[in-house]
Amino acid sequence: MEIWLWVVTAVVAIIFLGSGVSKIVTSRQALYDSGMTYVQDVHPAALKGIGVLELAGALGLVLPPTLERAVHLVPVASGALAVMMLVATALHVRRREPFAVPLALAVIAATLTVLRLTAYPV
């Protein structure tokens, strides 16, 4: 079970790493043109902030156990990512856009949080 949990954690970290970096380095117009139409409802500075938070969450999932420091931050990072994805789900629902991906990420991140806090601590 521990290996499976690390594989899921790594996949989630990669997803958020890519998403966060793209929001930080890509222009708002380029994100819109690539299909992220919700960016028109988000202030440019907030969009960059979301990217930074996603990047921090991704790093928070893998760096503490890798460095063997502050491992209690892993469930904090996954919990914060779950909350972010619930907010993203609400945004997509409000805009009448597909919301399955952020909802699935919210559920996966929340599951990681619960498992790391209970049965499988880092």
PDB file of N, CA and C in Angstrom:
ATOM      1  N   MET A   1       0.829  -1.198   0.000  1.00  0.00           N
ATOM      2  CA  MET A   1       0.000   0.000   0.000  1.00  0.00           C
ATOM      3  C   MET A   1       0.872   1.261   0.000  1.00  0.00           C
ATOM      4  N   GLU A   2       1.973   1.207   0.721  1.00  0.00           N
ATOM      5  CA  GLU A   2       2.849   2.377   0.806  1.00  0.00           C
ATOM      6  C   GLU A   2       3.395   2.766  -0.564  1.00  0.00           C
ATOM      7  N   ILE A   3       3.777   1.798  -1.383  1.00  0.00           N
ATOM      8  CA  ILE A   3       4.305   2.099  -2.720  1.00  0.00           C
ATOM      9  C   ILE A   3       3.216   2.737  -3.571  1.00  0.00           C
ATOM     10  N   TRP A   4       2.022   2.185  -3.525  1.00  0.00           N
ATOM     11  CA  TRP A   4       0.904   2.733  -4.287  1.00  0.00           C
ATOM     12  C   TRP A   4       0.640   4.179  -3.868  1.00  0.00           C
ATOM     13  N   LEU A   5       0.716   4.428  -2.581  1.00  0.00           N
ATOM     14  CA  LEU A   5       0.472   5.778  -2.072  1.00  0.00           C
ATOM     15  C   LEU A   5       1.535   6.754  -2.569  1.00  0.00           C
ATOM     16  N   TRP A   6       2.772   6.308  -2.638  1.00  0.00           N
ATOM     17  CA  TRP A   6       3.835   7.169  -3.158  1.00  0.00           C
ATOM     18  C   TRP A   6       3.683   7.410  -4.642  1.00  0.00           C
ATOM     19  N   VAL A   7       3.224   6.414  -5.379  1.00  0.00           N
ATOM     20  CA  VAL A   7       3.002   6.595  -6.826  1.00  0.00           C
ATOM     21  C   VAL A   7       1.910   7.638  -7.052  1.00  0.00           C
ATOM     22  N   VAL A   8       0.820   7.528  -6.324  1.00  0.00           N
ATOM     23  CA  VAL A   8      -0.274   8.501  -6.451  1.00  0.00           C
ATOM     24  C   VAL A   8       0.213   9.888  -6.043  1.00  0.00           C
ATOM     25  N   THR A   9       0.972   9.972  -4.976  1.00  0.00           N
ATOM     26  CA  THR A   9       1.513  11.252  -4.527  1.00  0.00           C
ATOM     27  C   THR A   9       2.408  11.863  -5.601  1.00  0.00           C
ATOM     28  N   ALA A  10       3.248  11.054  -6.205  1.00  0.00           N
ATOM     29  CA  ALA A  10       4.142  11.555  -7.259  1.00  0.00           C
ATOM     30  C   ALA A  10       3.351  12.047  -8.462  1.00  0.00           C
ATOM     31  N   VAL A  11       2.323  11.315  -8.854  1.00  0.00           N
ATOM     32  CA  VAL A  11       1.507  11.734 -10.003  1.00  0.00           C
ATOM     33  C   VAL A  11       0.802  13.057  -9.702  1.00  0.00           C
ATOM     34  N   VAL A  12       0.224  13.158  -8.525  1.00  0.00           N
ATOM     35  CA  VAL A  12      -0.455  14.407  -8.132  1.00  0.00           C
ATOM     36  C   VAL A  12       0.551  15.557  -8.093  1.00  0.00           C
ATOM     37  N   ALA A  13       1.731  15.314  -7.559  1.00  0.00           N
ATOM     38  CA  ALA A  13       2.755  16.361  -7.511  1.00  0.00           C
ATOM     39  C   ALA A  13       3.156  16.806  -8.911  1.00  0.00           C
ATOM     40  N   ILE A  14       3.309  15.867  -9.823  1.00  0.00           N
ATOM     41  CA  ILE A  14       3.671  16.206 -11.206  1.00  0.00           C
ATOM     42  C   ILE A  14       2.573  17.033 -11.861  1.00  0.00           C
ATOM     43  N   ILE A  15       1.323  16.656 -11.629  1.00  0.00           N
ATOM     44  CA  ILE A  15       0.196  17.408 -12.208  1.00  0.00           C
ATOM     45  C   ILE A  15       0.210  18.853 -11.704  1.00  0.00           C
ATOM     46  N   PHE A  16       0.345  19.017 -10.395  1.00  0.00           N
ATOM     47  CA  PHE A  16       0.323  20.370  -9.833  1.00  0.00           C
ATOM     48  C   PHE A  16       1.589  21.148 -10.163  1.00  0.00           C
ATOM     49  N   LEU A  17       2.702  20.473 -10.275  1.00  0.00           N
ATOM     50  CA  LEU A  17       3.937  21.139 -10.684  1.00  0.00           C
ATOM     51  C   LEU A  17       3.777  21.721 -12.084  1.00  0.00           C
ATOM     52  N   GLY A  18       3.267  20.911 -13.009  1.00  0.00           N
ATOM     53  CA  GLY A  18       3.058  21.388 -14.377  1.00  0.00           C
ATOM     54  C   GLY A  18       2.041  22.504 -14.457  1.00  0.00           C
ATOM     55  N   SER A  19       0.948  22.331 -13.737  1.00  0.00           N
ATOM     56  CA  SER A  19      -0.103  23.344 -13.748  1.00  0.00           C
ATOM     57  C   SER A  19       0.379  24.651 -13.130  1.00  0.00           C
ATOM     58  N   GLY A  20       1.080  24.551 -12.017  1.00  0.00           N
ATOM     59  CA  GLY A  20       1.574  25.752 -11.346  1.00  0.00           C
ATOM     60  C   GLY A  20       2.599  26.498 -12.176  1.00  0.00           C
ATOM     61  N   VAL A  21       3.544  25.768 -12.737  1.00  0.00           N
ATOM     62  CA  VAL A  21       4.573  26.413 -13.553  1.00  0.00           C
ATOM     63  C   VAL A  21       3.951  27.063 -14.783  1.00  0.00           C
ATOM     64  N   SER A  22       2.987  26.388 -15.398  1.00  0.00           N
ATOM     65  CA  SER A  22       2.365  26.974 -16.591  1.00  0.00           C
ATOM     66  C   SER A  22       1.620  28.261 -16.256  1.00  0.00           C
ATOM     67  N   LYS A  23       0.973  28.320 -15.099  1.00  0.00           N
ATOM     68  CA  LYS A  23       0.275  29.543 -14.704  1.00  0.00           C
ATOM     69  C   LYS A  23       1.251  30.667 -14.382  1.00  0.00           C
ATOM     70  N   ILE A  24       2.438  30.313 -13.905  1.00  0.00           N
ATOM     71  CA  ILE A  24       3.428  31.325 -13.542  1.00  0.00           C
ATOM     72  C   ILE A  24       4.120  31.891 -14.782  1.00  0.00           C
ATOM     73  N   VAL A  25       4.499  31.037 -15.724  1.00  0.00           N
ATOM     74  CA  VAL A  25       5.347  31.483 -16.838  1.00  0.00           C
ATOM     75  C   VAL A  25       4.582  31.808 -18.118  1.00  0.00           C
ATOM     76  N   THR A  26       3.334  31.376 -18.216  1.00  0.00           N
ATOM     77  CA  THR A  26       2.572  31.590 -19.441  1.00  0.00           C
ATOM     78  C   THR A  26       1.671  32.812 -19.280  1.00  0.00           C
ATOM     79  N   SER A  27       1.525  33.569 -20.334  1.00  0.00           N
ATOM     80  CA  SER A  27       0.670  34.751 -20.271  1.00  0.00           C
ATOM     81  C   SER A  27      -0.793  34.338 -20.129  1.00  0.00           C
ATOM     82  N   ARG A  28      -1.562  35.257 -19.591  1.00  0.00           N
ATOM     83  CA  ARG A  28      -2.998  35.006 -19.408  1.00  0.00           C
ATOM     84  C   ARG A  28      -3.676  34.726 -20.748  1.00  0.00           C
ATOM     85  N   GLN A  29      -3.305  35.474 -21.775  1.00  0.00           N
ATOM     86  CA  GLN A  29      -3.899  35.282 -23.099  1.00  0.00           C
ATOM     87  C   GLN A  29      -3.543  33.912 -23.670  1.00  0.00           C
ATOM     88  N   ALA A  30      -2.307  33.488 -23.476  1.00  0.00           N
ATOM     89  CA  ALA A  30      -1.897  32.170 -23.971  1.00  0.00           C
ATOM     90  C   ALA A  30      -2.640  31.057 -23.231  1.00  0.00           C
ATOM     91  N   LEU A  31      -2.861  31.234 -21.941  1.00  0.00           N
ATOM     92  CA  LEU A  31      -3.645  30.254 -21.191  1.00  0.00           C
ATOM     93  C   LEU A  31      -5.079  30.212 -21.707  1.00  0.00           C
ATOM     94  N   TYR A  32      -5.646  31.378 -21.969  1.00  0.00           N
ATOM     95  CA  TYR A  32      -7.006  31.448 -22.515  1.00  0.00           C
ATOM     96  C   TYR A  32      -7.064  30.757 -23.876  1.00  0.00           C
ATOM     97  N   ASP A  33      -6.090  31.046 -24.710  1.00  0.00           N
ATOM     98  CA  ASP A  33      -6.064  30.448 -26.053  1.00  0.00           C
ATOM     99  C   ASP A  33      -5.892  28.930 -26.002  1.00  0.00           C
ATOM    100  N   SER A  34      -5.265  28.430 -24.943  1.00  0.00           N
ATOM    101  CA  SER A  34      -5.057  26.986 -24.824  1.00  0.00           C
ATOM    102  C   SER A  34      -6.276  26.261 -24.258  1.00  0.00           C
ATOM    103  N   GLY A  35      -7.331  27.008 -23.951  1.00  0.00           N
ATOM    104  CA  GLY A  35      -8.563  26.379 -23.488  1.00  0.00           C
ATOM    105  C   GLY A  35      -8.924  26.675 -22.045  1.00  0.00           C
ATOM    106  N   MET A  36      -8.077  27.372 -21.330  1.00  0.00           N
ATOM    107  CA  MET A  36      -8.375  27.729 -19.949  1.00  0.00           C
ATOM    108  C   MET A  36      -9.200  29.020 -19.939  1.00  0.00           C
ATOM    109  N   THR A  37     -10.441  28.903 -20.340  1.00  0.00           N
ATOM    110  CA  THR A  37     -11.283  30.079 -20.502  1.00  0.00           C
ATOM    111  C   THR A  37     -11.637  30.743 -19.170  1.00  0.00           C
ATOM    112  N   TYR A  38     -11.496  30.018 -18.083  1.00  0.00           N
ATOM    113  CA  TYR A  38     -11.821  30.587 -16.779  1.00  0.00           C
ATOM    114  C   TYR A  38     -10.889  31.730 -16.391  1.00  0.00           C
ATOM    115  N   VAL A  39      -9.731  31.844 -17.047  1.00  0.00           N
ATOM    116  CA  VAL A  39      -8.779  32.890 -16.663  1.00  0.00           C
ATOM    117  C   VAL A  39      -9.357  34.286 -16.844  1.00  0.00           C
ATOM    118  N   GLN A  40     -10.395  34.424 -17.666  1.00  0.00           N
ATOM    119  CA  GLN A  40     -11.010  35.736 -17.842  1.00  0.00           C
ATOM    120  C   GLN A  40     -11.753  36.183 -16.585  1.00  0.00           C
ATOM    121  N   ASP A  41     -12.061  35.243 -15.673  1.00  0.00           N
ATOM    122  CA  ASP A  41     -12.727  35.586 -14.417  1.00  0.00           C
ATOM    123  C   ASP A  41     -11.750  35.775 -13.262  1.00  0.00           C
ATOM    124  N   VAL A  42     -10.460  35.590 -13.522  1.00  0.00           N
ATOM    125  CA  VAL A  42      -9.458  35.638 -12.460  1.00  0.00           C
ATOM    126  C   VAL A  42      -8.473  36.772 -12.764  1.00  0.00           C
ATOM    127  N   HIS A  43      -8.215  37.601 -11.767  1.00  0.00           N
ATOM    128  CA  HIS A  43      -7.247  38.692 -11.919  1.00  0.00           C
ATOM    129  C   HIS A  43      -5.878  38.102 -12.254  1.00  0.00           C
ATOM    130  N   PRO A  44      -5.106  38.749 -13.135  1.00  0.00           N
ATOM    131  CA  PRO A  44      -3.783  38.212 -13.511  1.00  0.00           C
ATOM    132  C   PRO A  44      -2.866  37.924 -12.320  1.00  0.00           C
ATOM    133  N   ALA A  45      -2.876  38.804 -11.327  1.00  0.00           N
ATOM    134  CA  ALA A  45      -2.029  38.569 -10.146  1.00  0.00           C
ATOM    135  C   ALA A  45      -2.527  37.353  -9.360  1.00  0.00           C
ATOM    136  N   ALA A  46      -3.834  37.197  -9.283  1.00  0.00           N
ATOM    137  CA  ALA A  46      -4.394  36.032  -8.589  1.00  0.00           C
ATOM    138  C   ALA A  46      -4.054  34.750  -9.330  1.00  0.00           C
ATOM    139  N   LEU A  47      -4.063  34.814 -10.652  1.00  0.00           N
ATOM    140  CA  LEU A  47      -3.709  33.649 -11.456  1.00  0.00           C
ATOM    141  C   LEU A  47      -2.261  33.223 -11.187  1.00  0.00           C
ATOM    142  N   LYS A  48      -1.351  34.187 -11.129  1.00  0.00           N
ATOM    143  CA  LYS A  48       0.046  33.882 -10.798  1.00  0.00           C
ATOM    144  C   LYS A  48       0.142  33.348  -9.370  1.00  0.00           C
ATOM    145  N   GLY A  49      -0.644  33.899  -8.465  1.00  0.00           N
ATOM    146  CA  GLY A  49      -0.665  33.413  -7.085  1.00  0.00           C
ATOM    147  C   GLY A  49      -1.148  31.981  -6.991  1.00  0.00           C
ATOM    148  N   ILE A  50      -2.165  31.644  -7.764  1.00  0.00           N
ATOM    149  CA  ILE A  50      -2.655  30.267  -7.808  1.00  0.00           C
ATOM    150  C   ILE A  50      -1.541  29.346  -8.299  1.00  0.00           C
ATOM    151  N   GLY A  51      -0.817  29.801  -9.308  1.00  0.00           N
ATOM    152  CA  GLY A  51       0.296  29.014  -9.820  1.00  0.00           C
ATOM    153  C   GLY A  51       1.362  28.776  -8.758  1.00  0.00           C
ATOM    154  N   VAL A  52       1.676  29.815  -7.993  1.00  0.00           N
ATOM    155  CA  VAL A  52       2.669  29.690  -6.921  1.00  0.00           C
ATOM    156  C   VAL A  52       2.176  28.717  -5.851  1.00  0.00           C
ATOM    157  N   LEU A  53       0.893  28.805  -5.501  1.00  0.00           N
ATOM    158  CA  LEU A  53       0.337  27.887  -4.504  1.00  0.00           C
ATOM    159  C   LEU A  53       0.349  26.448  -4.999  1.00  0.00           C
ATOM    160  N   GLU A  54       0.033  26.240  -6.272  1.00  0.00           N
ATOM    161  CA  GLU A  54       0.085  24.880  -6.823  1.00  0.00           C
ATOM    162  C   GLU A  54       1.514  24.348  -6.815  1.00  0.00           C
ATOM    163  N   LEU A  55       2.452  25.190  -7.179  1.00  0.00           N
ATOM    164  CA  LEU A  55       3.857  24.791  -7.161  1.00  0.00           C
ATOM    165  C   LEU A  55       4.300  24.464  -5.730  1.00  0.00           C
ATOM    166  N   ALA A  56       3.934  25.301  -4.782  1.00  0.00           N
ATOM    167  CA  ALA A  56       4.289  25.055  -3.382  1.00  0.00           C
ATOM    168  C   ALA A  56       3.648  23.759  -2.871  1.00  0.00           C
ATOM    169  N   GLY A  57       2.404  23.512  -3.257  1.00  0.00           N
ATOM    170  CA  GLY A  57       1.742  22.274  -2.855  1.00  0.00           C
ATOM    171  C   GLY A  57       2.431  21.047  -3.424  1.00  0.00           C
ATOM    172  N   ALA A  58       2.814  21.132  -4.690  1.00  0.00           N
ATOM    173  CA  ALA A  58       3.521  20.010  -5.318  1.00  0.00           C
ATOM    174  C   ALA A  58       4.838  19.736  -4.611  1.00  0.00           C
ATOM    175  N   LEU A  59       5.581  20.786  -4.324  1.00  0.00           N
ATOM    176  CA  LEU A  59       6.853  20.614  -3.621  1.00  0.00           C
ATOM    177  C   LEU A  59       6.627  20.124  -2.194  1.00  0.00           C
ATOM    178  N   GLY A  60       5.545  20.573  -1.575  1.00  0.00           N
ATOM    179  CA  GLY A  60       5.221  20.145  -0.217  1.00  0.00           C
ATOM    180  C   GLY A  60       4.841  18.684  -0.116  1.00  0.00           C
ATOM    181  N   LEU A  61       4.422  18.095  -1.222  1.00  0.00           N
ATOM    182  CA  LEU A  61       4.099  16.669  -1.218  1.00  0.00           C
ATOM    183  C   LEU A  61       5.347  15.791  -1.233  1.00  0.00           C
ATOM    184  N   VAL A  62       6.392  16.244  -1.907  1.00  0.00           N
ATOM    185  CA  VAL A  62       7.542  15.360  -2.113  1.00  0.00           C
ATOM    186  C   VAL A  62       8.824  15.797  -1.400  1.00  0.00           C
ATOM    187  N   LEU A  63       9.046  17.085  -1.209  1.00  0.00           N
ATOM    188  CA  LEU A  63      10.309  17.517  -0.617  1.00  0.00           C
ATOM    189  C   LEU A  63      10.494  17.125   0.852  1.00  0.00           C
ATOM    190  N   PRO A  64       9.503  17.317   1.723  1.00  0.00           N
ATOM    191  CA  PRO A  64       9.736  16.956   3.130  1.00  0.00           C
ATOM    192  C   PRO A  64      10.167  15.496   3.333  1.00  0.00           C
ATOM    193  N   PRO A  65       9.477  14.523   2.725  1.00  0.00           N
ATOM    194  CA  PRO A  65       9.955  13.156   2.931  1.00  0.00           C
ATOM    195  C   PRO A  65      11.297  12.880   2.250  1.00  0.00           C
ATOM    196  N   THR A  66      11.521  13.519   1.116  1.00  0.00           N
ATOM    197  CA  THR A  66      12.787  13.326   0.412  1.00  0.00           C
ATOM    198  C   THR A  66      13.947  13.858   1.239  1.00  0.00           C
ATOM    199  N   LEU A  67      13.752  15.017   1.848  1.00  0.00           N
ATOM    200  CA  LEU A  67      14.797  15.627   2.665  1.00  0.00           C
ATOM    201  C   LEU A  67      14.774  15.155   4.121  1.00  0.00           C
ATOM    202  N   GLU A  68      13.755  14.370   4.453  1.00  0.00           N
ATOM    203  CA  GLU A  68      13.552  13.873   5.817  1.00  0.00           C
ATOM    204  C   GLU A  68      13.480  15.016   6.830  1.00  0.00           C
ATOM    205  N   ARG A  69      12.779  16.062   6.451  1.00  0.00           N
ATOM    206  CA  ARG A  69      12.576  17.231   7.306  1.00  0.00           C
ATOM    207  C   ARG A  69      11.109  17.654   7.224  1.00  0.00           C
ATOM    208  N   ALA A  70      10.526  18.007   8.324  1.00  0.00           N
ATOM    209  CA  ALA A  70       9.156  18.553   8.385  1.00  0.00           C
ATOM    210  C   ALA A  70       8.153  17.691   7.631  1.00  0.00           C
ATOM    211  N   VAL A  71       8.199  16.385   7.847  1.00  0.00           N
ATOM    212  CA  VAL A  71       7.307  15.481   7.110  1.00  0.00           C
ATOM    213  C   VAL A  71       5.838  15.698   7.473  1.00  0.00           C
ATOM    214  N   HIS A  72       5.572  16.370   8.572  1.00  0.00           N
ATOM    215  CA  HIS A  72       4.188  16.674   8.935  1.00  0.00           C
ATOM    216  C   HIS A  72       3.539  17.642   7.933  1.00  0.00           C
ATOM    217  N   LEU A  73       4.329  18.251   7.068  1.00  0.00           N
ATOM    218  CA  LEU A  73       3.776  19.181   6.074  1.00  0.00           C
ATOM    219  C   LEU A  73       3.143  18.479   4.880  1.00  0.00           C
ATOM    220  N   VAL A  74       3.398  17.192   4.702  1.00  0.00           N
ATOM    221  CA  VAL A  74       2.830  16.466   3.552  1.00  0.00           C
ATOM    222  C   VAL A  74       1.301  16.466   3.605  1.00  0.00           C
ATOM    223  N   PRO A  75       0.657  16.069   4.715  1.00  0.00           N
ATOM    224  CA  PRO A  75      -0.808  16.139   4.725  1.00  0.00           C
ATOM    225  C   PRO A  75      -1.338  17.567   4.683  1.00  0.00           C
ATOM    226  N   VAL A  76      -0.565  18.525   5.173  1.00  0.00           N
ATOM    227  CA  VAL A  76      -0.975  19.933   5.080  1.00  0.00           C
ATOM    228  C   VAL A  76      -1.008  20.357   3.614  1.00  0.00           C
ATOM    229  N   ALA A  77       0.032  19.982   2.869  1.00  0.00           N
ATOM    230  CA  ALA A  77       0.091  20.326   1.444  1.00  0.00           C
ATOM    231  C   ALA A  77      -1.031  19.662   0.673  1.00  0.00           C
ATOM    232  N   SER A  78      -1.266  18.384   0.925  1.00  0.00           N
ATOM    233  CA  SER A  78      -2.331  17.699   0.178  1.00  0.00           C
ATOM    234  C   SER A  78      -3.709  18.242   0.572  1.00  0.00           C
ATOM    235  N   GLY A  79      -3.884  18.596   1.829  1.00  0.00           N
ATOM    236  CA  GLY A  79      -5.153  19.189   2.249  1.00  0.00           C
ATOM    237  C   GLY A  79      -5.389  20.547   1.603  1.00  0.00           C
ATOM    238  N   ALA A  80      -4.333  21.357   1.528  1.00  0.00           N
ATOM    239  CA  ALA A  80      -4.452  22.670   0.887  1.00  0.00           C
ATOM    240  C   ALA A  80      -4.759  22.521  -0.603  1.00  0.00           C
ATOM    241  N   LEU A  81      -4.131  21.545  -1.248  1.00  0.00           N
ATOM    242  CA  LEU A  81      -4.420  21.310  -2.669  1.00  0.00           C
ATOM    243  C   LEU A  81      -5.861  20.834  -2.855  1.00  0.00           C
ATOM    244  N   ALA A  82      -6.353  20.021  -1.931  1.00  0.00           N
ATOM    245  CA  ALA A  82      -7.748  19.565  -2.013  1.00  0.00           C
ATOM    246  C   ALA A  82      -8.707  20.748  -1.922  1.00  0.00           C
ATOM    247  N   VAL A  83      -8.440  21.654  -0.996  1.00  0.00           N
ATOM    248  CA  VAL A  83      -9.294  22.842  -0.853  1.00  0.00           C
ATOM    249  C   VAL A  83      -9.238  23.700  -2.114  1.00  0.00           C
ATOM    250  N   MET A  84      -8.030  23.888  -2.654  1.00  0.00           N
ATOM    251  CA  MET A  84      -7.885  24.672  -3.889  1.00  0.00           C
ATOM    252  C   MET A  84      -8.710  24.059  -5.019  1.00  0.00           C
ATOM    253  N   MET A  85      -8.692  22.746  -5.115  1.00  0.00           N
ATOM    254  CA  MET A  85      -9.415  22.088  -6.201  1.00  0.00           C
ATOM    255  C   MET A  85     -10.927  22.123  -5.976  1.00  0.00           C
ATOM    256  N   LEU A  86     -11.361  22.165  -4.723  1.00  0.00           N
ATOM    257  CA  LEU A  86     -12.790  22.352  -4.466  1.00  0.00           C
ATOM    258  C   LEU A  86     -13.236  23.749  -4.897  1.00  0.00           C
ATOM    259  N   VAL A  87     -12.393  24.728  -4.649  1.00  0.00           N
ATOM    260  CA  VAL A  87     -12.695  26.091  -5.111  1.00  0.00           C
ATOM    261  C   VAL A  87     -12.696  26.136  -6.635  1.00  0.00           C
ATOM    262  N   ALA A  88     -11.743  25.457  -7.261  1.00  0.00           N
ATOM    263  CA  ALA A  88     -11.700  25.404  -8.724  1.00  0.00           C
ATOM    264  C   ALA A  88     -12.940  24.706  -9.273  1.00  0.00           C
ATOM    265  N   THR A  89     -13.377  23.655  -8.598  1.00  0.00           N
ATOM    266  CA  THR A  89     -14.597  22.962  -9.019  1.00  0.00           C
ATOM    267  C   THR A  89     -15.789  23.913  -8.964  1.00  0.00           C
ATOM    268  N   ALA A  90     -15.894  24.668  -7.886  1.00  0.00           N
ATOM    269  CA  ALA A  90     -16.998  25.627  -7.755  1.00  0.00           C
ATOM    270  C   ALA A  90     -16.942  26.671  -8.869  1.00  0.00           C
ATOM    271  N   LEU A  91     -15.747  27.137  -9.210  1.00  0.00           N
ATOM    272  CA  LEU A  91     -15.598  28.111 -10.298  1.00  0.00           C
ATOM    273  C   LEU A  91     -16.098  27.524 -11.615  1.00  0.00           C
ATOM    274  N   HIS A  92     -15.697  26.292 -11.900  1.00  0.00           N
ATOM    275  CA  HIS A  92     -16.113  25.665 -13.154  1.00  0.00           C
ATOM    276  C   HIS A  92     -17.615  25.380 -13.176  1.00  0.00           C
ATOM    277  N   VAL A  93     -18.174  24.984 -12.053  1.00  0.00           N
ATOM    278  CA  VAL A  93     -19.622  24.761 -11.987  1.00  0.00           C
ATOM    279  C   VAL A  93     -20.349  26.074 -12.237  1.00  0.00           C
ATOM    280  N   ARG A  94     -19.884  27.143 -11.614  1.00  0.00           N
ATOM    281  CA  ARG A  94     -20.519  28.463 -11.784  1.00  0.00           C
ATOM    282  C   ARG A  94     -20.464  28.915 -13.239  1.00  0.00           C
ATOM    283  N   ARG A  95     -19.368  28.589 -13.917  1.00  0.00           N
ATOM    284  CA  ARG A  95     -19.208  28.986 -15.313  1.00  0.00           C
ATOM    285  C   ARG A  95     -19.841  27.974 -16.277  1.00  0.00           C
ATOM    286  N   ARG A  96     -20.451  26.931 -15.732  1.00  0.00           N
ATOM    287  CA  ARG A  96     -21.068  25.865 -16.537  1.00  0.00           C
ATOM    288  C   ARG A  96     -20.045  25.210 -17.474  1.00  0.00           C
ATOM    289  N   GLU A  97     -18.869  24.944 -16.927  1.00  0.00           N
ATOM    290  CA  GLU A  97     -17.786  24.285 -17.655  1.00  0.00           C
ATOM    291  C   GLU A  97     -17.592  22.886 -17.069  1.00  0.00           C
ATOM    292  N   PRO A  98     -16.914  22.009 -17.804  1.00  0.00           N
ATOM    293  CA  PRO A  98     -16.612  20.687 -17.236  1.00  0.00           C
ATOM    294  C   PRO A  98     -15.799  20.819 -15.950  1.00  0.00           C
ATOM    295  N   PHE A  99     -16.190  20.053 -14.939  1.00  0.00           N
ATOM    296  CA  PHE A  99     -15.540  20.178 -13.635  1.00  0.00           C
ATOM    297  C   PHE A  99     -15.030  18.847 -13.095  1.00  0.00           C
ATOM    298  N   ALA A 100     -15.032  17.811 -13.900  1.00  0.00           N
ATOM    299  CA  ALA A 100     -14.639  16.485 -13.424  1.00  0.00           C
ATOM    300  C   ALA A 100     -13.173  16.430 -12.998  1.00  0.00           C
ATOM    301  N   VAL A 101     -12.290  17.076 -13.740  1.00  0.00           N
ATOM    302  CA  VAL A 101     -10.855  17.005 -13.417  1.00  0.00           C
ATOM    303  C   VAL A 101     -10.539  17.666 -12.078  1.00  0.00           C
ATOM    304  N   PRO A 102     -10.957  18.925 -11.837  1.00  0.00           N
ATOM    305  CA  PRO A 102     -10.640  19.491 -10.523  1.00  0.00           C
ATOM    306  C   PRO A 102     -11.330  18.750  -9.378  1.00  0.00           C
ATOM    307  N   LEU A 103     -12.523  18.227  -9.623  1.00  0.00           N
ATOM    308  CA  LEU A 103     -13.205  17.467  -8.575  1.00  0.00           C
ATOM    309  C   LEU A 103     -12.452  16.172  -8.272  1.00  0.00           C
ATOM    310  N   ALA A 104     -11.999  15.478  -9.313  1.00  0.00           N
ATOM    311  CA  ALA A 104     -11.223  14.250  -9.104  1.00  0.00           C
ATOM    312  C   ALA A 104      -9.920  14.548  -8.365  1.00  0.00           C
ATOM    313  N   LEU A 105      -9.250  15.642  -8.739  1.00  0.00           N
ATOM    314  CA  LEU A 105      -8.022  16.017  -8.038  1.00  0.00           C
ATOM    315  C   LEU A 105      -8.301  16.364  -6.578  1.00  0.00           C
ATOM    316  N   ALA A 106      -9.429  16.995  -6.309  1.00  0.00           N
ATOM    317  CA  ALA A 106      -9.805  17.315  -4.931  1.00  0.00           C
ATOM    318  C   ALA A 106     -10.010  16.040  -4.122  1.00  0.00           C
ATOM    319  N   VAL A 107     -10.694  15.079  -4.700  1.00  0.00           N
ATOM    320  CA  VAL A 107     -10.949  13.816  -4.002  1.00  0.00           C
ATOM    321  C   VAL A 107      -9.642  13.064  -3.755  1.00  0.00           C
ATOM    322  N   ILE A 108      -8.778  13.015  -4.760  1.00  0.00           N
ATOM    323  CA  ILE A 108      -7.498  12.313  -4.610  1.00  0.00           C
ATOM    324  C   ILE A 108      -6.634  12.998  -3.553  1.00  0.00           C
ATOM    325  N   ALA A 109      -6.541  14.319  -3.615  1.00  0.00           N
ATOM    326  CA  ALA A 109      -5.734  15.048  -2.631  1.00  0.00           C
ATOM    327  C   ALA A 109      -6.309  14.892  -1.224  1.00  0.00           C
ATOM    328  N   ALA A 110      -7.619  14.927  -1.094  1.00  0.00           N
ATOM    329  CA  ALA A 110      -8.247  14.738   0.216  1.00  0.00           C
ATOM    330  C   ALA A 110      -7.978  13.325   0.740  1.00  0.00           C
ATOM    331  N   THR A 111      -8.011  12.345  -0.142  1.00  0.00           N
ATOM    332  CA  THR A 111      -7.716  10.968   0.254  1.00  0.00           C
ATOM    333  C   THR A 111      -6.269  10.850   0.725  1.00  0.00           C
ATOM    334  N   LEU A 112      -5.348  11.476   0.000  1.00  0.00           N
ATOM    335  CA  LEU A 112      -3.947  11.482   0.434  1.00  0.00           C
ATOM    336  C   LEU A 112      -3.819  12.104   1.821  1.00  0.00           C
ATOM    337  N   THR A 113      -4.544  13.177   2.057  1.00  0.00           N
ATOM    338  CA  THR A 113      -4.494  13.842   3.362  1.00  0.00           C
ATOM    339  C   THR A 113      -4.938  12.899   4.467  1.00  0.00           C
ATOM    340  N   VAL A 114      -6.079  12.267   4.266  1.00  0.00           N
ATOM    341  CA  VAL A 114      -6.614  11.368   5.289  1.00  0.00           C
ATOM    342  C   VAL A 114      -5.675  10.186   5.526  1.00  0.00           C
ATOM    343  N   LEU A 115      -5.181   9.590   4.452  1.00  0.00           N
ATOM    344  CA  LEU A 115      -4.284   8.437   4.604  1.00  0.00           C
ATOM    345  C   LEU A 115      -2.976   8.827   5.286  1.00  0.00           C
ATOM    346  N   ARG A 116      -2.435   9.990   4.959  1.00  0.00           N
ATOM    347  CA  ARG A 116      -1.171  10.424   5.597  1.00  0.00           C
ATOM    348  C   ARG A 116      -1.376  10.844   7.051  1.00  0.00           C
ATOM    349  N   LEU A 117      -2.579  11.240   7.394  1.00  0.00           N
ATOM    350  CA  LEU A 117      -2.852  11.616   8.789  1.00  0.00           C
ATOM    351  C   LEU A 117      -3.204  10.411   9.662  1.00  0.00           C
ATOM    352  N   THR A 118      -3.638   9.320   9.036  1.00  0.00           N
ATOM    353  CA  THR A 118      -4.116   8.192   9.829  1.00  0.00           C
ATOM    354  C   THR A 118      -3.263   6.939   9.626  1.00  0.00           C
ATOM    355  N   ALA A 119      -3.596   6.158   8.640  1.00  0.00           N
ATOM    356  CA  ALA A 119      -3.020   4.813   8.491  1.00  0.00           C
ATOM    357  C   ALA A 119      -1.590   4.793   7.986  1.00  0.00           C
ATOM    358  N   TYR A 120      -1.198   5.761   7.164  1.00  0.00           N
ATOM    359  CA  TYR A 120       0.114   5.741   6.526  1.00  0.00           C
ATOM    360  C   TYR A 120       0.864   7.054   6.696  1.00  0.00           C
ATOM    361  N   PRO A 121       1.240   7.390   7.909  1.00  0.00           N
ATOM    362  CA  PRO A 121       2.004   8.632   8.076  1.00  0.00           C
ATOM    363  C   PRO A 121       3.363   8.525   7.398  1.00  0.00           C
ATOM    364  N   VAL A 122       3.895   9.667   7.015  1.00  0.00           N
ATOM    365  CA  VAL A 122       5.184   9.680   6.321  1.00  0.00           C
ATOM    366  C   VAL A 122       6.286   9.305   7.272  1.00  0.00           C
TER     367      VAL A 122
END
